[in-house]
Amino acid sequence: MTESERKLWSRIRRKQILGLQFYRQRPIGNYIVDFYCPEAQLVLEVDGSQHMNKLAIERDKYRDSYLKQQGVKVLRFDNLQVLNQLDAVVEKVYQSAVSRV
């Protein structure tokens, strides 16, 4: 895991958000997502700089569209958001989870 993934994992693991279980590196279809909560049908992606070029952005849109068709909501955060605004990121995860359970 990257440093930002480790930081986020430390705040979502062990059912810290609404008693919901998040899993790391879970497959959904042909994709492996960073973090997944089946009960809330919620995926969390932590994106590094490789996700910022035009081709990667298009791939991510396609992937997110597929996941949405599966009934999954995707939240994307970049590394700097997680590292510098962890509380705000966790609050966004919490709010999204509340609306889905």
PDB file of N, CA and C in Angstrom:
ATOM      1  N   MET A   1       0.840  -1.183   0.000  1.00  0.00           N
ATOM      2  CA  MET A   1       0.000   0.000   0.000  1.00  0.00           C
ATOM      3  C   MET A   1       0.885   1.247   0.000  1.00  0.00           C
ATOM      4  N   THR A   2       0.357   2.284  -0.605  1.00  0.00           N
ATOM      5  CA  THR A   2       1.031   3.569  -0.552  1.00  0.00           C
ATOM      6  C   THR A   2       0.801   4.195   0.824  1.00  0.00           C
ATOM      7  N   GLU A   3       1.547   5.248   1.126  1.00  0.00           N
ATOM      8  CA  GLU A   3       1.369   5.928   2.407  1.00  0.00           C
ATOM      9  C   GLU A   3      -0.069   6.442   2.568  1.00  0.00           C
ATOM     10  N   SER A   4      -0.613   7.016   1.508  1.00  0.00           N
ATOM     11  CA  SER A   4      -1.976   7.542   1.597  1.00  0.00           C
ATOM     12  C   SER A   4      -2.985   6.411   1.792  1.00  0.00           C
ATOM     13  N   GLU A   5      -2.793   5.290   1.130  1.00  0.00           N
ATOM     14  CA  GLU A   5      -3.688   4.149   1.331  1.00  0.00           C
ATOM     15  C   GLU A   5      -3.596   3.626   2.764  1.00  0.00           C
ATOM     16  N   ARG A   6      -2.397   3.576   3.304  1.00  0.00           N
ATOM     17  CA  ARG A   6      -2.225   3.128   4.702  1.00  0.00           C
ATOM     18  C   ARG A   6      -2.950   4.053   5.669  1.00  0.00           C
ATOM     19  N   LYS A   7      -2.848   5.349   5.436  1.00  0.00           N
ATOM     20  CA  LYS A   7      -3.521   6.311   6.322  1.00  0.00           C
ATOM     21  C   LYS A   7      -5.038   6.146   6.267  1.00  0.00           C
ATOM     22  N   LEU A   8      -5.571   6.040   5.065  1.00  0.00           N
ATOM     23  CA  LEU A   8      -7.013   5.854   4.944  1.00  0.00           C
ATOM     24  C   LEU A   8      -7.424   4.517   5.549  1.00  0.00           C
ATOM     25  N   TRP A   9      -6.687   3.475   5.286  1.00  0.00           N
ATOM     26  CA  TRP A   9      -6.999   2.146   5.826  1.00  0.00           C
ATOM     27  C   TRP A   9      -7.042   2.172   7.352  1.00  0.00           C
ATOM     28  N   SER A  10      -6.148   2.937   7.953  1.00  0.00           N
ATOM     29  CA  SER A  10      -6.113   3.001   9.423  1.00  0.00           C
ATOM     30  C   SER A  10      -7.391   3.616   9.990  1.00  0.00           C
ATOM     31  N   ARG A  11      -8.126   4.360   9.172  1.00  0.00           N
ATOM     32  CA  ARG A  11      -9.345   5.028   9.631  1.00  0.00           C
ATOM     33  C   ARG A  11     -10.637   4.312   9.236  1.00  0.00           C
ATOM     34  N   ILE A  12     -10.549   3.343   8.315  1.00  0.00           N
ATOM     35  CA  ILE A  12     -11.772   2.659   7.877  1.00  0.00           C
ATOM     36  C   ILE A  12     -11.785   1.187   8.263  1.00  0.00           C
ATOM     37  N   ARG A  13     -10.660   0.641   8.630  1.00  0.00           N
ATOM     38  CA  ARG A  13     -10.611  -0.788   8.962  1.00  0.00           C
ATOM     39  C   ARG A  13     -11.266  -1.061  10.306  1.00  0.00           C
ATOM     40  N   ARG A  14     -11.496  -2.320  10.571  1.00  0.00           N
ATOM     41  CA  ARG A  14     -12.076  -2.771  11.840  1.00  0.00           C
ATOM     42  C   ARG A  14     -13.413  -2.106  12.156  1.00  0.00           C
ATOM     43  N   LYS A  15     -14.198  -1.906  11.121  1.00  0.00           N
ATOM     44  CA  LYS A  15     -15.579  -1.419  11.266  1.00  0.00           C
ATOM     45  C   LYS A  15     -15.687  -0.090  12.018  1.00  0.00           C
ATOM     46  N   GLN A  16     -14.753   0.825  11.753  1.00  0.00           N
ATOM     47  CA  GLN A  16     -14.748   2.111  12.445  1.00  0.00           C
ATOM     48  C   GLN A  16     -15.827   3.068  11.949  1.00  0.00           C
ATOM     49  N   ILE A  17     -16.351   2.826  10.758  1.00  0.00           N
ATOM     50  CA  ILE A  17     -17.382   3.702  10.209  1.00  0.00           C
ATOM     51  C   ILE A  17     -18.704   2.938  10.206  1.00  0.00           C
ATOM     52  N   LEU A  18     -19.597   3.331  11.094  1.00  0.00           N
ATOM     53  CA  LEU A  18     -20.945   2.764  11.169  1.00  0.00           C
ATOM     54  C   LEU A  18     -20.958   1.249  11.346  1.00  0.00           C
ATOM     55  N   GLY A  19     -19.872   0.692  11.831  1.00  0.00           N
ATOM     56  CA  GLY A  19     -19.800  -0.755  11.999  1.00  0.00           C
ATOM     57  C   GLY A  19     -19.698  -1.513  10.681  1.00  0.00           C
ATOM     58  N   LEU A  20     -19.354  -0.815   9.612  1.00  0.00           N
ATOM     59  CA  LEU A  20     -19.263  -1.420   8.285  1.00  0.00           C
ATOM     60  C   LEU A  20     -17.865  -1.969   8.028  1.00  0.00           C
ATOM     61  N   GLN A  21     -17.824  -3.145   7.415  1.00  0.00           N
ATOM     62  CA  GLN A  21     -16.560  -3.783   7.084  1.00  0.00           C
ATOM     63  C   GLN A  21     -16.076  -3.334   5.714  1.00  0.00           C
ATOM     64  N   PHE A  22     -14.882  -2.787   5.665  1.00  0.00           N
ATOM     65  CA  PHE A  22     -14.222  -2.460   4.407  1.00  0.00           C
ATOM     66  C   PHE A  22     -13.133  -3.500   4.158  1.00  0.00           C
ATOM     67  N   TYR A  23     -12.927  -3.814   2.903  1.00  0.00           N
ATOM     68  CA  TYR A  23     -11.894  -4.768   2.493  1.00  0.00           C
ATOM     69  C   TYR A  23     -10.925  -4.085   1.548  1.00  0.00           C
ATOM     70  N   ARG A  24      -9.675  -4.534   1.587  1.00  0.00           N
ATOM     71  CA  ARG A  24      -8.646  -4.003   0.695  1.00  0.00           C
ATOM     72  C   ARG A  24      -8.537  -4.874  -0.548  1.00  0.00           C
ATOM     73  N   GLN A  25      -8.224  -4.231  -1.666  1.00  0.00           N
ATOM     74  CA  GLN A  25      -7.899  -4.930  -2.904  1.00  0.00           C
ATOM     75  C   GLN A  25      -8.897  -6.036  -3.236  1.00  0.00           C
ATOM     76  N   ARG A  26     -10.138  -5.653  -3.434  1.00  0.00           N
ATOM     77  CA  ARG A  26     -11.201  -6.610  -3.730  1.00  0.00           C
ATOM     78  C   ARG A  26     -11.554  -6.580  -5.219  1.00  0.00           C
ATOM     79  N   PRO A  27     -11.754  -7.757  -5.814  1.00  0.00           N
ATOM     80  CA  PRO A  27     -12.174  -7.787  -7.220  1.00  0.00           C
ATOM     81  C   PRO A  27     -13.665  -7.521  -7.358  1.00  0.00           C
ATOM     82  N   ILE A  28     -14.001  -6.733  -8.344  1.00  0.00           N
ATOM     83  CA  ILE A  28     -15.394  -6.539  -8.778  1.00  0.00           C
ATOM     84  C   ILE A  28     -15.342  -6.639 -10.297  1.00  0.00           C
ATOM     85  N   GLY A  29     -15.908  -7.694 -10.825  1.00  0.00           N
ATOM     86  CA  GLY A  29     -15.789  -7.945 -12.260  1.00  0.00           C
ATOM     87  C   GLY A  29     -14.333  -8.122 -12.620  1.00  0.00           C
ATOM     88  N   ASN A  30     -13.900  -7.419 -13.650  1.00  0.00           N
ATOM     89  CA  ASN A  30     -12.497  -7.496 -14.088  1.00  0.00           C
ATOM     90  C   ASN A  30     -11.595  -6.487 -13.401  1.00  0.00           C
ATOM     91  N   TYR A  31     -12.106  -5.793 -12.411  1.00  0.00           N
ATOM     92  CA  TYR A  31     -11.344  -4.741 -11.752  1.00  0.00           C
ATOM     93  C   TYR A  31     -11.017  -5.123 -10.316  1.00  0.00           C
ATOM     94  N   ILE A  32      -9.916  -4.591  -9.836  1.00  0.00           N
ATOM     95  CA  ILE A  32      -9.570  -4.716  -8.425  1.00  0.00           C
ATOM     96  C   ILE A  32      -9.597  -3.308  -7.853  1.00  0.00           C
ATOM     97  N   VAL A  33     -10.443  -3.120  -6.853  1.00  0.00           N
ATOM     98  CA  VAL A  33     -10.614  -1.796  -6.258  1.00  0.00           C
ATOM     99  C   VAL A  33      -9.746  -1.678  -5.012  1.00  0.00           C
ATOM    100  N   ASP A  34      -9.401  -0.446  -4.656  1.00  0.00           N
ATOM    101  CA  ASP A  34      -8.547  -0.225  -3.484  1.00  0.00           C
ATOM    102  C   ASP A  34      -9.238  -0.673  -2.200  1.00  0.00           C
ATOM    103  N   PHE A  35     -10.453  -0.167  -1.960  1.00  0.00           N
ATOM    104  CA  PHE A  35     -11.211  -0.509  -0.754  1.00  0.00           C
ATOM    105  C   PHE A  35     -12.675  -0.705  -1.138  1.00  0.00           C
ATOM    106  N   TYR A  36     -13.314  -1.686  -0.495  1.00  0.00           N
ATOM    107  CA  TYR A  36     -14.703  -1.996  -0.844  1.00  0.00           C
ATOM    108  C   TYR A  36     -15.490  -2.365   0.398  1.00  0.00           C
ATOM    109  N   CYS A  37     -16.680  -1.800   0.502  1.00  0.00           N
ATOM    110  CA  CYS A  37     -17.622  -2.138   1.558  1.00  0.00           C
ATOM    111  C   CYS A  37     -18.864  -2.728   0.896  1.00  0.00           C
ATOM    112  N   PRO A  38     -19.009  -4.064   0.960  1.00  0.00           N
ATOM    113  CA  PRO A  38     -20.155  -4.687   0.287  1.00  0.00           C
ATOM    114  C   PRO A  38     -21.513  -4.248   0.828  1.00  0.00           C
ATOM    115  N   GLU A  39     -21.621  -4.078   2.132  1.00  0.00           N
ATOM    116  CA  GLU A  39     -22.916  -3.720   2.714  1.00  0.00           C
ATOM    117  C   GLU A  39     -23.421  -2.379   2.195  1.00  0.00           C
ATOM    118  N   ALA A  40     -22.518  -1.426   2.031  1.00  0.00           N
ATOM    119  CA  ALA A  40     -22.889  -0.103   1.516  1.00  0.00           C
ATOM    120  C   ALA A  40     -22.706   0.006   0.007  1.00  0.00           C
ATOM    121  N   GLN A  41     -22.188  -1.068  -0.622  1.00  0.00           N
ATOM    122  CA  GLN A  41     -21.885  -1.029  -2.053  1.00  0.00           C
ATOM    123  C   GLN A  41     -21.080   0.228  -2.378  1.00  0.00           C
ATOM    124  N   LEU A  42     -19.981   0.392  -1.639  1.00  0.00           N
ATOM    125  CA  LEU A  42     -19.159   1.595  -1.718  1.00  0.00           C
ATOM    126  C   LEU A  42     -17.708   1.222  -1.991  1.00  0.00           C
ATOM    127  N   VAL A  43     -17.133   1.850  -3.005  1.00  0.00           N
ATOM    128  CA  VAL A  43     -15.728   1.665  -3.365  1.00  0.00           C
ATOM    129  C   VAL A  43     -14.987   2.960  -3.094  1.00  0.00           C
ATOM    130  N   LEU A  44     -13.807   2.831  -2.517  1.00  0.00           N
ATOM    131  CA  LEU A  44     -12.919   3.976  -2.308  1.00  0.00           C
ATOM    132  C   LEU A  44     -11.660   3.755  -3.137  1.00  0.00           C
ATOM    133  N   GLU A  45     -11.316   4.733  -3.933  1.00  0.00           N
ATOM    134  CA  GLU A  45     -10.108   4.683  -4.733  1.00  0.00           C
ATOM    135  C   GLU A  45      -9.193   5.826  -4.316  1.00  0.00           C
ATOM    136  N   VAL A  46      -7.935   5.515  -4.109  1.00  0.00           N
ATOM    137  CA  VAL A  46      -6.929   6.523  -3.782  1.00  0.00           C
ATOM    138  C   VAL A  46      -5.998   6.617  -4.985  1.00  0.00           C
ATOM    139  N   ASP A  47      -6.060   7.743  -5.660  1.00  0.00           N
ATOM    140  CA  ASP A  47      -5.363   7.905  -6.929  1.00  0.00           C
ATOM    141  C   ASP A  47      -4.048   8.650  -6.780  1.00  0.00           C
ATOM    142  N   GLY A  48      -3.019   8.065  -7.360  1.00  0.00           N
ATOM    143  CA  GLY A  48      -1.725   8.731  -7.448  1.00  0.00           C
ATOM    144  C   GLY A  48      -1.641   9.549  -8.721  1.00  0.00           C
ATOM    145  N   SER A  49      -0.481  10.101  -8.978  1.00  0.00           N
ATOM    146  CA  SER A  49      -0.298  10.988 -10.130  1.00  0.00           C
ATOM    147  C   SER A  49      -0.521  10.273 -11.457  1.00  0.00           C
ATOM    148  N   GLN A  50      -0.360   8.948 -11.494  1.00  0.00           N
ATOM    149  CA  GLN A  50      -0.570   8.210 -12.744  1.00  0.00           C
ATOM    150  C   GLN A  50      -2.023   8.267 -13.212  1.00  0.00           C
ATOM    151  N   HIS A  51      -2.921   8.688 -12.343  1.00  0.00           N
ATOM    152  CA  HIS A  51      -4.330   8.804 -12.714  1.00  0.00           C
ATOM    153  C   HIS A  51      -4.677  10.179 -13.269  1.00  0.00           C
ATOM    154  N   MET A  52      -3.700  11.059 -13.394  1.00  0.00           N
ATOM    155  CA  MET A  52      -3.985  12.440 -13.760  1.00  0.00           C
ATOM    156  C   MET A  52      -3.810  12.748 -15.244  1.00  0.00           C
ATOM    157  N   ASN A  53      -3.315  11.792 -16.034  1.00  0.00           N
ATOM    158  CA  ASN A  53      -3.184  12.086 -17.461  1.00  0.00           C
ATOM    159  C   ASN A  53      -4.480  11.743 -18.189  1.00  0.00           C
ATOM    160  N   LYS A  54      -4.622  12.240 -19.394  1.00  0.00           N
ATOM    161  CA  LYS A  54      -5.884  12.132 -20.136  1.00  0.00           C
ATOM    162  C   LYS A  54      -6.323  10.678 -20.334  1.00  0.00           C
ATOM    163  N   LEU A  55      -5.419   9.803 -20.701  1.00  0.00           N
ATOM    164  CA  LEU A  55      -5.762   8.404 -20.936  1.00  0.00           C
ATOM    165  C   LEU A  55      -6.238   7.728 -19.651  1.00  0.00           C
ATOM    166  N   ALA A  56      -5.544   7.970 -18.558  1.00  0.00           N
ATOM    167  CA  ALA A  56      -5.940   7.374 -17.278  1.00  0.00           C
ATOM    168  C   ALA A  56      -7.295   7.892 -16.820  1.00  0.00           C
ATOM    169  N   ILE A  57      -7.547   9.160 -17.039  1.00  0.00           N
ATOM    170  CA  ILE A  57      -8.840   9.742 -16.662  1.00  0.00           C
ATOM    171  C   ILE A  57      -9.967   9.055 -17.437  1.00  0.00           C
ATOM    172  N   GLU A  58      -9.760   8.823 -18.721  1.00  0.00           N
ATOM    173  CA  GLU A  58     -10.765   8.134 -19.532  1.00  0.00           C
ATOM    174  C   GLU A  58     -10.962   6.694 -19.051  1.00  0.00           C
ATOM    175  N   ARG A  59      -9.877   5.998 -18.741  1.00  0.00           N
ATOM    176  CA  ARG A  59      -9.984   4.627 -18.226  1.00  0.00           C
ATOM    177  C   ARG A  59     -10.750   4.598 -16.912  1.00  0.00           C
ATOM    178  N   ASP A  60     -10.448   5.550 -16.028  1.00  0.00           N
ATOM    179  CA  ASP A  60     -11.137   5.612 -14.741  1.00  0.00           C
ATOM    180  C   ASP A  60     -12.630   5.890 -14.921  1.00  0.00           C
ATOM    181  N   LYS A  61     -12.975   6.753 -15.872  1.00  0.00           N
ATOM    182  CA  LYS A  61     -14.392   7.027 -16.147  1.00  0.00           C
ATOM    183  C   LYS A  61     -15.102   5.763 -16.609  1.00  0.00           C
ATOM    184  N   TYR A  62     -14.461   5.014 -17.491  1.00  0.00           N
ATOM    185  CA  TYR A  62     -15.037   3.768 -17.987  1.00  0.00           C
ATOM    186  C   TYR A  62     -15.210   2.770 -16.843  1.00  0.00           C
ATOM    187  N   ARG A  63     -14.189   2.642 -16.030  1.00  0.00           N
ATOM    188  CA  ARG A  63     -14.227   1.733 -14.882  1.00  0.00           C
ATOM    189  C   ARG A  63     -15.330   2.140 -13.901  1.00  0.00           C
ATOM    190  N   ASP A  64     -15.411   3.440 -13.589  1.00  0.00           N
ATOM    191  CA  ASP A  64     -16.438   3.930 -12.671  1.00  0.00           C
ATOM    192  C   ASP A  64     -17.833   3.683 -13.235  1.00  0.00           C
ATOM    193  N   SER A  65     -17.984   3.836 -14.537  1.00  0.00           N
ATOM    194  CA  SER A  65     -19.269   3.583 -15.176  1.00  0.00           C
ATOM    195  C   SER A  65     -19.658   2.109 -15.023  1.00  0.00           C
ATOM    196  N   TYR A  66     -18.701   1.220 -15.224  1.00  0.00           N
ATOM    197  CA  TYR A  66     -18.969  -0.207 -15.038  1.00  0.00           C
ATOM    198  C   TYR A  66     -19.388  -0.480 -13.593  1.00  0.00           C
ATOM    199  N   LEU A  67     -18.659   0.057 -12.636  1.00  0.00           N
ATOM    200  CA  LEU A  67     -18.978  -0.178 -11.232  1.00  0.00           C
ATOM    201  C   LEU A  67     -20.354   0.376 -10.882  1.00  0.00           C
ATOM    202  N   LYS A  68     -20.688   1.535 -11.430  1.00  0.00           N
ATOM    203  CA  LYS A  68     -22.014   2.122 -11.192  1.00  0.00           C
ATOM    204  C   LYS A  68     -23.108   1.199 -11.731  1.00  0.00           C
ATOM    205  N   GLN A  69     -22.864   0.593 -12.881  1.00  0.00           N
ATOM    206  CA  GLN A  69     -23.834  -0.353 -13.445  1.00  0.00           C
ATOM    207  C   GLN A  69     -24.020  -1.568 -12.537  1.00  0.00           C
ATOM    208  N   GLN A  70     -23.018  -1.866 -11.729  1.00  0.00           N
ATOM    209  CA  GLN A  70     -23.103  -2.977 -10.780  1.00  0.00           C
ATOM    210  C   GLN A  70     -23.765  -2.555  -9.468  1.00  0.00           C
ATOM    211  N   GLY A  71     -24.173  -1.295  -9.394  1.00  0.00           N
ATOM    212  CA  GLY A  71     -24.827  -0.780  -8.194  1.00  0.00           C
ATOM    213  C   GLY A  71     -23.870  -0.261  -7.144  1.00  0.00           C
ATOM    214  N   VAL A  72     -22.632  -0.040  -7.543  1.00  0.00           N
ATOM    215  CA  VAL A  72     -21.582   0.389  -6.609  1.00  0.00           C
ATOM    216  C   VAL A  72     -21.316   1.884  -6.793  1.00  0.00           C
ATOM    217  N   LYS A  73     -21.207   2.589  -5.681  1.00  0.00           N
ATOM    218  CA  LYS A  73     -20.820   4.004  -5.717  1.00  0.00           C
ATOM    219  C   LYS A  73     -19.303   4.078  -5.540  1.00  0.00           C
ATOM    220  N   VAL A  74     -18.655   4.909  -6.339  1.00  0.00           N
ATOM    221  CA  VAL A  74     -17.201   5.068  -6.287  1.00  0.00           C
ATOM    222  C   VAL A  74     -16.864   6.458  -5.776  1.00  0.00           C
ATOM    223  N   LEU A  75     -16.031   6.499  -4.748  1.00  0.00           N
ATOM    224  CA  LEU A  75     -15.466   7.768  -4.273  1.00  0.00           C
ATOM    225  C   LEU A  75     -13.988   7.758  -4.608  1.00  0.00           C
ATOM    226  N   ARG A  76     -13.537   8.781  -5.292  1.00  0.00           N
ATOM    227  CA  ARG A  76     -12.118   8.897  -5.653  1.00  0.00           C
ATOM    228  C   ARG A  76     -11.497  10.053  -4.879  1.00  0.00           C
ATOM    229  N   PHE A  77     -10.329   9.770  -4.330  1.00  0.00           N
ATOM    230  CA  PHE A  77      -9.548  10.784  -3.633  1.00  0.00           C
ATOM    231  C   PHE A  77      -8.132  10.711  -4.182  1.00  0.00           C
ATOM    232  N   ASP A  78      -7.478  11.860  -4.301  1.00  0.00           N
ATOM    233  CA  ASP A  78      -6.084  11.779  -4.706  1.00  0.00           C
ATOM    234  C   ASP A  78      -5.208  11.673  -3.457  1.00  0.00           C
ATOM    235  N   ASN A  79      -3.980  11.260  -3.671  1.00  0.00           N
ATOM    236  CA  ASN A  79      -3.052  11.039  -2.560  1.00  0.00           C
ATOM    237  C   ASN A  79      -2.953  12.244  -1.633  1.00  0.00           C
ATOM    238  N   LEU A  80      -2.866  13.427  -2.207  1.00  0.00           N
ATOM    239  CA  LEU A  80      -2.699  14.626  -1.388  1.00  0.00           C
ATOM    240  C   LEU A  80      -3.932  14.908  -0.532  1.00  0.00           C
ATOM    241  N   GLN A  81      -5.109  14.649  -1.058  1.00  0.00           N
ATOM    242  CA  GLN A  81      -6.319  14.814  -0.248  1.00  0.00           C
ATOM    243  C   GLN A  81      -6.244  13.928   0.989  1.00  0.00           C
ATOM    244  N   VAL A  82      -5.884  12.673   0.782  1.00  0.00           N
ATOM    245  CA  VAL A  82      -5.827  11.736   1.906  1.00  0.00           C
ATOM    246  C   VAL A  82      -4.743  12.150   2.892  1.00  0.00           C
ATOM    247  N   LEU A  83      -3.584  12.526   2.387  1.00  0.00           N
ATOM    248  CA  LEU A  83      -2.467  12.883   3.273  1.00  0.00           C
ATOM    249  C   LEU A  83      -2.709  14.188   4.019  1.00  0.00           C
ATOM    250  N   ASN A  84      -3.323  15.172   3.357  1.00  0.00           N
ATOM    251  CA  ASN A  84      -3.446  16.511   3.951  1.00  0.00           C
ATOM    252  C   ASN A  84      -4.818  16.819   4.542  1.00  0.00           C
ATOM    253  N   GLN A  85      -5.835  16.062   4.157  1.00  0.00           N
ATOM    254  CA  GLN A  85      -7.206  16.344   4.609  1.00  0.00           C
ATOM    255  C   GLN A  85      -7.912  15.050   5.018  1.00  0.00           C
ATOM    256  N   LEU A  86      -7.228  14.214   5.768  1.00  0.00           N
ATOM    257  CA  LEU A  86      -7.744  12.896   6.102  1.00  0.00           C
ATOM    258  C   LEU A  86      -9.103  12.958   6.790  1.00  0.00           C
ATOM    259  N   ASP A  87      -9.272  13.880   7.723  1.00  0.00           N
ATOM    260  CA  ASP A  87     -10.565  13.979   8.421  1.00  0.00           C
ATOM    261  C   ASP A  87     -11.701  14.292   7.452  1.00  0.00           C
ATOM    262  N   ALA A  88     -11.468  15.183   6.500  1.00  0.00           N
ATOM    263  CA  ALA A  88     -12.493  15.521   5.512  1.00  0.00           C
ATOM    264  C   ALA A  88     -12.794  14.331   4.603  1.00  0.00           C
ATOM    265  N   VAL A  89     -11.778  13.576   4.243  1.00  0.00           N
ATOM    266  CA  VAL A  89     -11.967  12.380   3.419  1.00  0.00           C
ATOM    267  C   VAL A  89     -12.815  11.357   4.175  1.00  0.00           C
ATOM    268  N   VAL A  90     -12.473  11.116   5.426  1.00  0.00           N
ATOM    269  CA  VAL A  90     -13.219  10.150   6.238  1.00  0.00           C
ATOM    270  C   VAL A  90     -14.661  10.613   6.422  1.00  0.00           C
ATOM    271  N   GLU A  91     -14.877  11.910   6.593  1.00  0.00           N
ATOM    272  CA  GLU A  91     -16.239  12.443   6.716  1.00  0.00           C
ATOM    273  C   GLU A  91     -17.033  12.184   5.437  1.00  0.00           C
ATOM    274  N   LYS A  92     -16.399  12.370   4.287  1.00  0.00           N
ATOM    275  CA  LYS A  92     -17.062  12.104   3.001  1.00  0.00           C
ATOM    276  C   LYS A  92     -17.425  10.618   2.891  1.00  0.00           C
ATOM    277  N   VAL A  93     -16.531   9.743   3.327  1.00  0.00           N
ATOM    278  CA  VAL A  93     -16.811   8.299   3.319  1.00  0.00           C
ATOM    279  C   VAL A  93     -17.990   8.008   4.246  1.00  0.00           C
ATOM    280  N   TYR A  94     -17.962   8.600   5.430  1.00  0.00           N
ATOM    281  CA  TYR A  94     -19.040   8.407   6.397  1.00  0.00           C
ATOM    282  C   TYR A  94     -20.387   8.851   5.808  1.00  0.00           C
ATOM    283  N   GLN A  95     -20.436  10.049   5.248  1.00  0.00           N
ATOM    284  CA  GLN A  95     -21.682  10.575   4.678  1.00  0.00           C
ATOM    285  C   GLN A  95     -22.197   9.686   3.536  1.00  0.00           C
ATOM    286  N   SER A  96     -21.302   9.213   2.714  1.00  0.00           N
ATOM    287  CA  SER A  96     -21.703   8.334   1.613  1.00  0.00           C
ATOM    288  C   SER A  96     -22.214   7.005   2.136  1.00  0.00           C
ATOM    289  N   ALA A  97     -21.559   6.481   3.160  1.00  0.00           N
ATOM    290  CA  ALA A  97     -21.990   5.208   3.743  1.00  0.00           C
ATOM    291  C   ALA A  97     -23.365   5.349   4.385  1.00  0.00           C
ATOM    292  N   VAL A  98     -23.584   6.436   5.121  1.00  0.00           N
ATOM    293  CA  VAL A  98     -24.879   6.680   5.766  1.00  0.00           C
ATOM    294  C   VAL A  98     -26.000   6.668   4.727  1.00  0.00           C
ATOM    295  N   SER A  99     -25.756   7.258   3.597  1.00  0.00           N
ATOM    296  CA  SER A  99     -26.803   7.360   2.580  1.00  0.00           C
ATOM    297  C   SER A  99     -27.064   6.046   1.842  1.00  0.00           C
ATOM    298  N   ARG A 100     -26.198   5.046   2.064  1.00  0.00           N
ATOM    299  CA  ARG A 100     -26.324   3.803   1.313  1.00  0.00           C
ATOM    300  C   ARG A 100     -26.719   2.599   2.169  1.00  0.00           C
ATOM    301  N   VAL A 101     -26.798   2.769   3.490  1.00  0.00           N
ATOM    302  CA  VAL A 101     -27.204   1.635   4.347  1.00  0.00           C
ATOM    303  C   VAL A 101     -28.518   1.906   5.020  1.00  0.00           C
TER     304      VAL A 101
END
